[in-house]
Every structure is written in structure tokens, then in C-alpha cells.
Amino acid sequence: MILGIGTDIIEVARVAREIRRSNGFKERYFSPREIAYCDTRASAGQNYAARFAAKEAFFKALGTGYRGGMGFDEVEVLNDRLGKPEIVLRGRAKAFCRRRRVRRIHVSLSHINDYSSAVVVMEK
């Protein structure tokens, strides 16, 4: 059964600008594994923006926003061995999803020159 659906779109330039301007932006919003992945890509800005959009879409799919102390640092967007994106949860986000009986989280990322987007679907 579908518990929630979230979607988000973001301008790549906005995320790239924050990364350049703010020393702690990457570390505040992305895990060391996400940073290691994105920094090795030719289109790093698109990859960071897509992951940021996925985190926004995740919270929209929950239907709660950032309430309950959950934060971006508890939602990690990684690729499996075949390159498919997946969401890995930690901390309060993981506990909240357990309480809501989330069985599976699907995520799809897209990006073109100027925009990145994500869709998240949660199954109960």
C-alpha cells in the first residue's frame, strides 16, 4: 500500500552557489559517502542538486516535513552496485519510518543542464 509520494525540483545553480559560498553547506546536508560520490562526477552540481531534491521529496512523502527533529543528515541518497539510487535512513528518520511501518522507499532522480528533480514513493 502506498503511504506517501513526494516530488521536488531544484535549480542546479542554486545548490552549486551554496556549495561555493558556504564552507559547511555540503557537510550539513550531505553525508561523507554522498560527498565522495558527487565530487567525483563531472556534473557534481547536478548530482548534489538531485540528492537535495530527493531529501526534500522524502520529507514530502512522509507528510511531516522536517518535524520531530529529523534532518537532511539522516537521509542519505546512495547508488547501488548497478547505479540505481536508493535512500538509506539513520537516526530519527529511520525510527519514524519504522513506527509508520514503511516497508520500502523508491526514489527516482533526474537532471538536465539547469534543473534536478526527484520523486519518492513510500510503501507501507
Protein backbone atom coordinates (compact mmCIF):
# COMPACT_ATOMS: atom_id res chain seq x y z
CA MET A 1 0.00 0.00 0.00
CA ILE A 2 1.28 3.48 -0.88
CA LEU A 3 1.91 5.56 2.23
CA GLY A 4 3.13 8.72 0.52
CA ILE A 5 4.51 10.32 -2.62
CA GLY A 6 6.84 13.30 -2.74
CA THR A 7 8.42 15.23 -5.57
CA ASP A 8 10.81 18.15 -5.78
CA ILE A 9 12.63 20.14 -8.44
CA ILE A 10 15.53 22.48 -7.84
CA GLU A 11 17.80 24.74 -9.85
CA VAL A 12 21.29 23.25 -10.12
CA ALA A 13 22.86 26.72 -9.97
CA ARG A 14 21.24 27.40 -6.60
CA VAL A 15 22.81 24.34 -4.99
CA ALA A 16 26.17 24.91 -6.71
CA ARG A 17 26.17 28.52 -5.49
CA GLU A 18 25.53 27.41 -1.88
CA ILE A 19 28.34 24.87 -2.09
CA ARG A 20 30.76 27.56 -3.35
CA ARG A 21 29.59 30.23 -0.87
CA SER A 22 29.27 28.25 2.33
CA ASN A 23 32.08 26.22 3.83
CA GLY A 24 29.71 23.94 5.75
CA PHE A 25 26.85 23.52 3.27
CA LYS A 26 27.97 20.14 1.91
CA GLU A 27 28.67 18.74 5.37
CA ARG A 28 25.34 19.99 6.74
CA TYR A 29 23.19 18.47 4.01
CA PHE A 30 25.19 15.54 2.62
CA SER A 31 26.89 12.50 4.12
CA PRO A 32 30.58 11.74 3.55
CA ARG A 33 29.54 8.99 1.10
CA GLU A 34 27.30 11.38 -0.85
CA ILE A 35 30.08 13.97 -0.98
CA ALA A 36 32.63 11.38 -2.14
CA TYR A 37 30.28 10.28 -4.94
CA CYS A 38 29.22 13.75 -6.12
CA ASP A 39 32.72 15.24 -6.01
CA THR A 40 33.97 12.58 -8.45
CA ARG A 41 31.29 13.34 -11.06
CA ALA A 42 31.87 15.71 -13.97
CA SER A 43 28.41 17.13 -13.25
CA ALA A 44 28.84 17.44 -9.48
CA GLY A 45 26.32 20.29 -9.21
CA GLN A 46 23.60 18.23 -10.87
CA ASN A 47 24.31 15.27 -8.61
CA TYR A 48 24.25 17.35 -5.43
CA ALA A 49 21.04 19.06 -6.56
CA ALA A 50 19.36 15.73 -7.37
CA ARG A 51 20.20 14.39 -3.92
CA PHE A 52 18.96 17.58 -2.27
CA ALA A 53 15.70 17.26 -4.22
CA ALA A 54 15.39 13.60 -3.15
CA LYS A 55 15.70 14.58 0.51
CA GLU A 56 13.02 17.24 0.07
CA ALA A 57 10.80 14.70 -1.73
CA PHE A 58 11.39 12.18 1.07
CA PHE A 59 10.06 14.58 3.72
CA LYS A 60 7.10 15.46 1.50
CA ALA A 61 6.30 11.75 1.08
CA LEU A 62 6.32 11.36 4.87
CA GLY A 63 3.74 14.10 5.06
CA THR A 64 5.51 15.70 8.02
CA GLY A 65 8.18 17.99 6.65
CA TYR A 66 11.16 18.33 8.99
CA ARG A 67 9.18 17.95 12.21
CA GLY A 68 10.27 15.76 15.06
CA GLY A 69 13.91 16.71 14.86
CA MET A 70 14.54 14.84 11.62
CA GLY A 71 17.11 16.40 9.35
CA PHE A 72 18.75 16.12 5.96
CA ASP A 73 21.78 14.45 7.54
CA GLU A 74 19.60 11.43 8.45
CA VAL A 75 18.55 10.82 4.83
CA GLU A 76 21.28 9.53 2.54
CA VAL A 77 20.88 9.06 -1.22
CA LEU A 78 23.31 6.44 -2.50
CA ASN A 79 23.59 4.31 -5.62
CA ASP A 80 23.51 0.52 -5.53
CA ARG A 81 26.10 -1.51 -7.45
CA LEU A 82 24.10 -1.10 -10.66
CA GLY A 83 23.76 2.67 -10.25
CA LYS A 84 20.14 2.72 -9.08
CA PRO A 85 19.57 5.41 -6.42
CA GLU A 86 18.30 4.33 -3.01
CA ILE A 87 17.54 6.05 0.27
CA VAL A 88 19.36 4.97 3.42
CA LEU A 89 18.00 6.28 6.72
CA ARG A 90 19.61 6.91 10.09
CA GLY A 91 18.59 8.29 13.46
CA ARG A 92 15.15 9.79 14.00
CA ALA A 93 14.18 9.45 10.33
CA LYS A 94 14.80 5.71 10.47
CA ALA A 95 12.91 5.36 13.77
CA PHE A 96 10.00 7.43 12.46
CA CYS A 97 9.72 5.27 9.35
CA ARG A 98 9.78 2.11 11.47
CA ARG A 99 6.93 3.44 13.61
CA ARG A 100 4.94 4.30 10.47
CA ARG A 101 5.72 0.79 9.16
CA VAL A 102 7.41 2.00 5.98
CA ARG A 103 8.44 -1.20 4.18
CA ARG A 104 10.09 0.23 1.11
CA ILE A 105 11.20 3.58 -0.28
CA HIS A 106 11.51 4.09 -4.03
CA VAL A 107 13.45 7.05 -5.40
CA SER A 108 13.97 8.32 -8.93
CA LEU A 109 16.41 11.13 -9.78
CA SER A 110 16.56 13.21 -12.96
CA HIS A 111 18.69 16.10 -14.07
CA ILE A 112 19.35 18.19 -17.12
CA ASN A 113 21.57 21.25 -17.50
CA ASP A 114 19.70 23.66 -15.23
CA TYR A 115 17.39 21.50 -13.09
CA SER A 116 17.43 18.38 -10.96
CA SER A 117 14.35 16.60 -9.72
CA ALA A 118 13.38 13.63 -7.60
CA VAL A 119 10.32 11.53 -6.87
CA VAL A 120 9.98 9.41 -3.73
CA VAL A 121 7.28 6.77 -3.17
CA MET A 122 6.86 5.08 0.21
CA GLU A 123 5.21 1.73 0.69
CA LYS A 124 3.59 0.58 3.90
